[in-house]
């Protein structure tokens, strides 16, 4: 194995496009890291929804810019902003808050997101 591996999101391994956004993945060693970029107005249940009413992946996410709201199936609500590092359990919806684009890095769940 190389002593240092350098990757950039400008050359992702995969890009999933959604209305109002995209999710890029980069594989580095045994880790897949994702970068979510969503425009104001993006909402998972409207723009990325799969076959379930809420997202069933678990995530570890670092918010780079913008703000997001998360609504859990159990009724709990959370707001995250730049610098927040969060674990999000399966069974949630999420959407962009405000007029600023939202960018986050995903360290768990990225290899399955958008499939």
C-alpha atoms as a PDB file:
ATOM      1  CA  UNK A   1       0.000   0.000   0.000  1.00  0.00           C
ATOM      2  CA  UNK A   2       1.137   3.535  -0.717  1.00  0.00           C
ATOM      3  CA  UNK A   3       2.396   5.427   2.365  1.00  0.00           C
ATOM      4  CA  UNK A   4       0.094   8.369   1.547  1.00  0.00           C
ATOM      5  CA  UNK A   5      -3.030   8.387  -0.603  1.00  0.00           C
ATOM      6  CA  UNK A   6      -4.373  11.741  -1.734  1.00  0.00           C
ATOM      7  CA  UNK A   7      -7.857  12.081  -3.226  1.00  0.00           C
ATOM      8  CA  UNK A   8      -9.991  15.093  -4.101  1.00  0.00           C
ATOM      9  CA  UNK A   9     -13.720  15.524  -4.596  1.00  0.00           C
ATOM     10  CA  UNK A  10     -12.965  17.245  -7.912  1.00  0.00           C
ATOM     11  CA  UNK A  11     -12.355  13.683  -9.197  1.00  0.00           C
ATOM     12  CA  UNK A  12     -14.937  11.567  -7.339  1.00  0.00           C
ATOM     13  CA  UNK A  13     -15.396   7.844  -7.856  1.00  0.00           C
ATOM     14  CA  UNK A  14     -19.137   8.284  -8.176  1.00  0.00           C
ATOM     15  CA  UNK A  15     -21.677  11.110  -8.354  1.00  0.00           C
ATOM     16  CA  UNK A  16     -25.400  10.718  -7.697  1.00  0.00           C
ATOM     17  CA  UNK A  17     -27.441  13.670  -8.955  1.00  0.00           C
ATOM     18  CA  UNK A  18     -30.702  14.716  -7.327  1.00  0.00           C
ATOM     19  CA  UNK A  19     -33.038  17.543  -8.119  1.00  0.00           C
ATOM     20  CA  UNK A  20     -31.439  20.459  -6.209  1.00  0.00           C
ATOM     21  CA  UNK A  21     -28.249  18.614  -5.372  1.00  0.00           C
ATOM     22  CA  UNK A  22     -25.665  15.870  -5.673  1.00  0.00           C
ATOM     23  CA  UNK A  23     -23.793  13.325  -3.570  1.00  0.00           C
ATOM     24  CA  UNK A  24     -20.187  12.537  -4.503  1.00  0.00           C
ATOM     25  CA  UNK A  25     -18.167   9.631  -3.134  1.00  0.00           C
ATOM     26  CA  UNK A  26     -14.434   9.103  -2.924  1.00  0.00           C
ATOM     27  CA  UNK A  27     -12.858   5.821  -1.847  1.00  0.00           C
ATOM     28  CA  UNK A  28      -9.625   6.183   0.073  1.00  0.00           C
ATOM     29  CA  UNK A  29      -8.093   3.020   1.491  1.00  0.00           C
ATOM     30  CA  UNK A  30     -10.945   1.036   3.030  1.00  0.00           C
ATOM     31  CA  UNK A  31     -13.079   4.137   3.678  1.00  0.00           C
ATOM     32  CA  UNK A  32     -15.729   5.697   1.449  1.00  0.00           C
ATOM     33  CA  UNK A  33     -16.285   9.394   2.151  1.00  0.00           C
ATOM     34  CA  UNK A  34     -19.244  11.271   0.716  1.00  0.00           C
ATOM     35  CA  UNK A  35     -19.832  14.938   0.066  1.00  0.00           C
ATOM     36  CA  UNK A  36     -23.428  16.157  -0.057  1.00  0.00           C
ATOM     37  CA  UNK A  37     -24.095  19.462  -1.817  1.00  0.00           C
ATOM     38  CA  UNK A  38     -27.720  20.620  -1.712  1.00  0.00           C
ATOM     39  CA  UNK A  39     -29.399  23.824  -2.827  1.00  0.00           C
ATOM     40  CA  UNK A  40     -31.878  25.742  -0.680  1.00  0.00           C
ATOM     41  CA  UNK A  41     -35.234  23.960  -0.813  1.00  0.00           C
ATOM     42  CA  UNK A  42     -33.731  20.440  -1.021  1.00  0.00           C
ATOM     43  CA  UNK A  43     -35.497  17.816   1.123  1.00  0.00           C
ATOM     44  CA  UNK A  44     -34.631  14.107   1.312  1.00  0.00           C
ATOM     45  CA  UNK A  45     -38.264  12.928   1.180  1.00  0.00           C
ATOM     46  CA  UNK A  46     -38.915  15.018  -1.950  1.00  0.00           C
ATOM     47  CA  UNK A  47     -35.622  14.895  -3.863  1.00  0.00           C
ATOM     48  CA  UNK A  48     -33.714  11.748  -2.846  1.00  0.00           C
ATOM     49  CA  UNK A  49     -36.364   9.420  -1.448  1.00  0.00           C
ATOM     50  CA  UNK A  50     -35.961   5.741  -2.193  1.00  0.00           C
ATOM     51  CA  UNK A  51     -38.519   3.022  -1.488  1.00  0.00           C
ATOM     52  CA  UNK A  52     -39.029   4.037   2.160  1.00  0.00           C
ATOM     53  CA  UNK A  53     -40.781   7.142   3.518  1.00  0.00           C
ATOM     54  CA  UNK A  54     -37.692   8.127   5.557  1.00  0.00           C
ATOM     55  CA  UNK A  55     -33.958   7.498   5.149  1.00  0.00           C
ATOM     56  CA  UNK A  56     -32.987   4.130   6.647  1.00  0.00           C
ATOM     57  CA  UNK A  57     -29.203   4.658   6.566  1.00  0.00           C
ATOM     58  CA  UNK A  58     -27.136   5.669   9.548  1.00  0.00           C
ATOM     59  CA  UNK A  59     -24.749   8.552   9.028  1.00  0.00           C
ATOM     60  CA  UNK A  60     -21.776  10.206  10.655  1.00  0.00           C
ATOM     61  CA  UNK A  61     -21.718  13.651   9.116  1.00  0.00           C
ATOM     62  CA  UNK A  62     -19.647  16.839   9.432  1.00  0.00           C
ATOM     63  CA  UNK A  63     -21.423  20.018   8.349  1.00  0.00           C
ATOM     64  CA  UNK A  64     -19.091  22.185   6.240  1.00  0.00           C
ATOM     65  CA  UNK A  65     -21.487  25.003   5.339  1.00  0.00           C
ATOM     66  CA  UNK A  66     -25.170  25.821   5.417  1.00  0.00           C
ATOM     67  CA  UNK A  67     -27.736  24.438   7.832  1.00  0.00           C
ATOM     68  CA  UNK A  68     -29.949  21.359   7.916  1.00  0.00           C
ATOM     69  CA  UNK A  69     -32.947  20.179   9.898  1.00  0.00           C
ATOM     70  CA  UNK A  70     -33.403  16.525  10.781  1.00  0.00           C
ATOM     71  CA  UNK A  71     -36.744  14.981  11.795  1.00  0.00           C
ATOM     72  CA  UNK A  72     -36.557  11.508  13.321  1.00  0.00           C
ATOM     73  CA  UNK A  73     -39.359   8.962  12.955  1.00  0.00           C
ATOM     74  CA  UNK A  74     -39.881   9.185  16.736  1.00  0.00           C
ATOM     75  CA  UNK A  75     -40.759  12.899  16.464  1.00  0.00           C
ATOM     76  CA  UNK A  76     -37.447  14.391  17.619  1.00  0.00           C
ATOM     77  CA  UNK A  77     -36.098  17.357  15.612  1.00  0.00           C
ATOM     78  CA  UNK A  78     -32.542  18.656  15.358  1.00  0.00           C
ATOM     79  CA  UNK A  79     -30.790  21.513  13.562  1.00  0.00           C
ATOM     80  CA  UNK A  80     -27.144  21.277  12.516  1.00  0.00           C
ATOM     81  CA  UNK A  81     -24.759  23.916  11.230  1.00  0.00           C
ATOM     82  CA  UNK A  82     -21.125  24.420  10.236  1.00  0.00           C
ATOM     83  CA  UNK A  83     -18.679  22.515  12.423  1.00  0.00           C
ATOM     84  CA  UNK A  84     -21.265  20.128  13.865  1.00  0.00           C
ATOM     85  CA  UNK A  85     -20.208  16.466  13.763  1.00  0.00           C
ATOM     86  CA  UNK A  86     -23.213  14.209  14.271  1.00  0.00           C
ATOM     87  CA  UNK A  87     -24.335  10.610  14.276  1.00  0.00           C
ATOM     88  CA  UNK A  88     -27.809  10.271  12.711  1.00  0.00           C
ATOM     89  CA  UNK A  89     -29.679   7.000  13.260  1.00  0.00           C
ATOM     90  CA  UNK A  90     -31.820   5.315  10.588  1.00  0.00           C
ATOM     91  CA  UNK A  91     -35.387   6.595  10.294  1.00  0.00           C
ATOM     92  CA  UNK A  92     -35.091  10.297   9.490  1.00  0.00           C
ATOM     93  CA  UNK A  93     -35.891  13.000   6.971  1.00  0.00           C
ATOM     94  CA  UNK A  94     -33.620  15.997   6.406  1.00  0.00           C
ATOM     95  CA  UNK A  95     -33.813  19.301   4.557  1.00  0.00           C
ATOM     96  CA  UNK A  96     -31.809  22.455   3.910  1.00  0.00           C
ATOM     97  CA  UNK A  97     -32.621  25.424   6.134  1.00  0.00           C
ATOM     98  CA  UNK A  98     -32.382  28.988   4.869  1.00  0.00           C
ATOM     99  CA  UNK A  99     -31.083  30.454   1.626  1.00  0.00           C
ATOM    100  CA  UNK A 100     -27.493  29.179   1.763  1.00  0.00           C
ATOM    101  CA  UNK A 101     -26.358  25.983  -0.024  1.00  0.00           C
ATOM    102  CA  UNK A 102     -25.633  23.081   2.327  1.00  0.00           C
ATOM    103  CA  UNK A 103     -22.421  21.012   2.173  1.00  0.00           C
ATOM    104  CA  UNK A 104     -21.541  18.086   4.440  1.00  0.00           C
ATOM    105  CA  UNK A 105     -19.037  15.238   4.571  1.00  0.00           C
ATOM    106  CA  UNK A 106     -20.313  11.727   5.327  1.00  0.00           C
ATOM    107  CA  UNK A 107     -18.051   9.195   7.018  1.00  0.00           C
ATOM    108  CA  UNK A 108     -20.665   6.472   7.592  1.00  0.00           C
ATOM    109  CA  UNK A 109     -23.337   5.425   5.113  1.00  0.00           C
ATOM    110  CA  UNK A 110     -21.699   7.108   2.114  1.00  0.00           C
ATOM    111  CA  UNK A 111     -21.200   3.906   0.120  1.00  0.00           C
ATOM    112  CA  UNK A 112     -24.959   3.226   0.165  1.00  0.00           C
ATOM    113  CA  UNK A 113     -26.354   6.763  -0.098  1.00  0.00           C
ATOM    114  CA  UNK A 114     -28.382   7.489  -3.206  1.00  0.00           C
ATOM    115  CA  UNK A 115     -28.523   3.879  -4.364  1.00  0.00           C
END
